Amino acid sequence: MVESWMSADEIAAHLGVSKDTVYAWISAQQMPAHKVGRLWKFQASEVDEWVRRGGASTQENE
């Protein structure tokens, strides 16, 4: 089955963070995201794997 693409709002809700946090992670933490026109799109499986690898952690927390 093909995984559907999620919007920034949807991925933020999926992770329980704000949309601003998602945009900050894209630029500073290399969050897996794909630009489609002016919109960012996400696949939950890629983002979940990124989180599991510690991608959402910050230097202050390490």
N, C-alpha and C. Protein backbone atom coordinates (compact mmCIF):
# COMPACT_ATOMS: atom_id res chain seq x y z
N MET A 1 0.84 -1.19 0.00
CA MET A 1 0.00 0.00 0.00
C MET A 1 0.89 1.25 0.00
N VAL A 2 0.49 2.24 -0.74
CA VAL A 2 1.25 3.48 -0.86
C VAL A 2 0.93 4.38 0.33
N GLU A 3 1.99 4.90 0.94
CA GLU A 3 1.83 5.81 2.07
C GLU A 3 1.46 7.20 1.56
N SER A 4 0.47 7.81 2.17
CA SER A 4 0.06 9.14 1.73
C SER A 4 0.97 10.21 2.34
N TRP A 5 1.02 11.34 1.66
CA TRP A 5 1.83 12.46 2.11
C TRP A 5 1.06 13.25 3.15
N MET A 6 1.79 13.80 4.11
CA MET A 6 1.19 14.60 5.18
C MET A 6 1.64 16.05 5.06
N SER A 7 0.77 16.95 5.48
CA SER A 7 1.10 18.38 5.49
C SER A 7 1.89 18.71 6.76
N ALA A 8 2.39 19.94 6.84
CA ALA A 8 3.10 20.39 8.03
C ALA A 8 2.19 20.35 9.25
N ASP A 9 0.93 20.74 9.08
CA ASP A 9 -0.03 20.68 10.19
C ASP A 9 -0.23 19.25 10.66
N GLU A 10 -0.39 18.34 9.71
CA GLU A 10 -0.63 16.94 10.06
C GLU A 10 0.57 16.30 10.74
N ILE A 11 1.78 16.57 10.24
CA ILE A 11 2.97 15.97 10.85
C ILE A 11 3.22 16.57 12.24
N ALA A 12 2.92 17.85 12.40
CA ALA A 12 3.05 18.49 13.72
C ALA A 12 2.10 17.81 14.72
N ALA A 13 0.86 17.57 14.31
CA ALA A 13 -0.11 16.89 15.18
C ALA A 13 0.34 15.46 15.46
N HIS A 14 0.87 14.78 14.45
CA HIS A 14 1.36 13.41 14.59
C HIS A 14 2.46 13.34 15.66
N LEU A 15 3.34 14.34 15.68
CA LEU A 15 4.46 14.37 16.62
C LEU A 15 4.13 15.07 17.94
N GLY A 16 3.03 15.80 17.97
CA GLY A 16 2.65 16.52 19.18
C GLY A 16 3.49 17.76 19.43
N VAL A 17 3.88 18.43 18.34
CA VAL A 17 4.66 19.66 18.43
C VAL A 17 3.96 20.74 17.59
N SER A 18 4.47 21.97 17.67
CA SER A 18 3.89 23.04 16.87
C SER A 18 4.43 23.00 15.44
N LYS A 19 3.71 23.65 14.56
CA LYS A 19 4.16 23.75 13.17
C LYS A 19 5.46 24.54 13.09
N ASP A 20 5.64 25.52 13.94
CA ASP A 20 6.90 26.28 13.98
C ASP A 20 8.08 25.37 14.32
N THR A 21 7.87 24.42 15.22
CA THR A 21 8.92 23.46 15.56
C THR A 21 9.27 22.60 14.37
N VAL A 22 8.27 22.17 13.62
CA VAL A 22 8.51 21.37 12.42
C VAL A 22 9.39 22.16 11.44
N TYR A 23 9.06 23.42 11.19
CA TYR A 23 9.86 24.23 10.26
C TYR A 23 11.28 24.44 10.78
N ALA A 24 11.43 24.61 12.09
CA ALA A 24 12.76 24.77 12.67
C ALA A 24 13.57 23.48 12.49
N TRP A 25 12.94 22.33 12.68
CA TRP A 25 13.62 21.04 12.51
C TRP A 25 14.03 20.82 11.06
N ILE A 26 13.22 21.29 10.12
CA ILE A 26 13.58 21.13 8.70
C ILE A 26 14.89 21.85 8.43
N SER A 27 15.01 23.09 8.91
CA SER A 27 16.21 23.87 8.59
C SER A 27 17.41 23.53 9.46
N ALA A 28 17.20 23.27 10.74
CA ALA A 28 18.33 23.09 11.65
C ALA A 28 18.69 21.63 11.92
N GLN A 29 17.76 20.73 11.80
CA GLN A 29 17.98 19.35 12.22
C GLN A 29 17.86 18.35 11.06
N GLN A 30 17.72 18.82 9.84
CA GLN A 30 17.60 17.96 8.67
C GLN A 30 16.42 16.97 8.77
N MET A 31 15.29 17.45 9.24
CA MET A 31 14.09 16.63 9.28
C MET A 31 13.73 16.24 7.85
N PRO A 32 13.41 14.97 7.60
CA PRO A 32 13.07 14.56 6.24
C PRO A 32 11.77 15.22 5.76
N ALA A 33 11.89 16.05 4.76
CA ALA A 33 10.75 16.78 4.21
C ALA A 33 10.99 16.99 2.73
N HIS A 34 9.90 17.12 1.99
CA HIS A 34 9.98 17.28 0.54
C HIS A 34 9.19 18.52 0.15
N LYS A 35 9.82 19.41 -0.58
CA LYS A 35 9.16 20.64 -1.02
C LYS A 35 8.38 20.34 -2.30
N VAL A 36 7.09 20.64 -2.26
CA VAL A 36 6.21 20.47 -3.42
C VAL A 36 5.60 21.85 -3.69
N GLY A 37 6.15 22.53 -4.69
CA GLY A 37 5.74 23.91 -4.91
C GLY A 37 6.17 24.75 -3.72
N ARG A 38 5.22 25.41 -3.09
CA ARG A 38 5.51 26.21 -1.90
C ARG A 38 5.27 25.45 -0.60
N LEU A 39 4.80 24.21 -0.70
CA LEU A 39 4.41 23.44 0.48
C LEU A 39 5.44 22.39 0.85
N TRP A 40 5.58 22.12 2.14
CA TRP A 40 6.39 21.02 2.62
C TRP A 40 5.48 19.81 2.81
N LYS A 41 5.94 18.66 2.37
CA LYS A 41 5.19 17.40 2.51
C LYS A 41 6.07 16.38 3.22
N PHE A 42 5.45 15.49 3.95
CA PHE A 42 6.17 14.54 4.79
C PHE A 42 5.56 13.15 4.65
N GLN A 43 6.40 12.14 4.87
CA GLN A 43 5.89 10.78 5.00
C GLN A 43 6.15 10.37 6.44
N ALA A 44 5.11 9.92 7.12
CA ALA A 44 5.20 9.61 8.54
C ALA A 44 6.29 8.58 8.82
N SER A 45 6.46 7.60 7.94
CA SER A 45 7.48 6.56 8.18
C SER A 45 8.89 7.16 8.18
N GLU A 46 9.18 8.10 7.29
CA GLU A 46 10.49 8.76 7.26
C GLU A 46 10.71 9.60 8.51
N VAL A 47 9.70 10.34 8.90
CA VAL A 47 9.81 11.21 10.07
C VAL A 47 9.95 10.37 11.34
N ASP A 48 9.17 9.30 11.45
CA ASP A 48 9.25 8.43 12.62
C ASP A 48 10.65 7.82 12.75
N GLU A 49 11.23 7.39 11.65
CA GLU A 49 12.58 6.83 11.66
C GLU A 49 13.60 7.89 12.06
N TRP A 50 13.44 9.11 11.57
CA TRP A 50 14.32 10.23 11.92
C TRP A 50 14.26 10.49 13.42
N VAL A 51 13.06 10.45 13.99
CA VAL A 51 12.89 10.67 15.43
C VAL A 51 13.58 9.54 16.20
N ARG A 52 13.39 8.30 15.75
CA ARG A 52 14.01 7.15 16.44
C ARG A 52 15.54 7.24 16.42
N ARG A 53 16.10 7.79 15.37
CA ARG A 53 17.57 7.94 15.27
C ARG A 53 18.08 9.12 16.09
N GLY A 54 17.18 9.87 16.73
CA GLY A 54 17.59 11.00 17.56
C GLY A 54 17.60 12.33 16.84
N GLY A 55 16.98 12.39 15.67
CA GLY A 55 16.99 13.62 14.89
C GLY A 55 16.27 14.78 15.55
N ALA A 56 15.31 14.49 16.42
CA ALA A 56 14.56 15.56 17.06
C ALA A 56 15.22 16.07 18.33
N SER A 57 16.30 15.42 18.76
CA SER A 57 16.97 15.87 19.97
C SER A 57 17.76 17.14 19.68
N THR A 58 18.01 17.92 20.72
CA THR A 58 18.78 19.16 20.57
C THR A 58 20.10 19.01 21.29
N GLN A 59 21.04 19.85 20.94
CA GLN A 59 22.36 19.85 21.57
C GLN A 59 22.24 20.08 23.07
N GLU A 60 21.30 20.92 23.48
CA GLU A 60 21.15 21.22 24.91
C GLU A 60 20.72 19.99 25.70
N ASN A 61 19.98 19.08 25.06
CA ASN A 61 19.48 17.88 25.75
C ASN A 61 20.50 16.76 25.78
N GLU A 62 21.57 16.86 25.02
CA GLU A 62 22.54 15.76 24.94
C GLU A 62 23.59 15.88 26.01
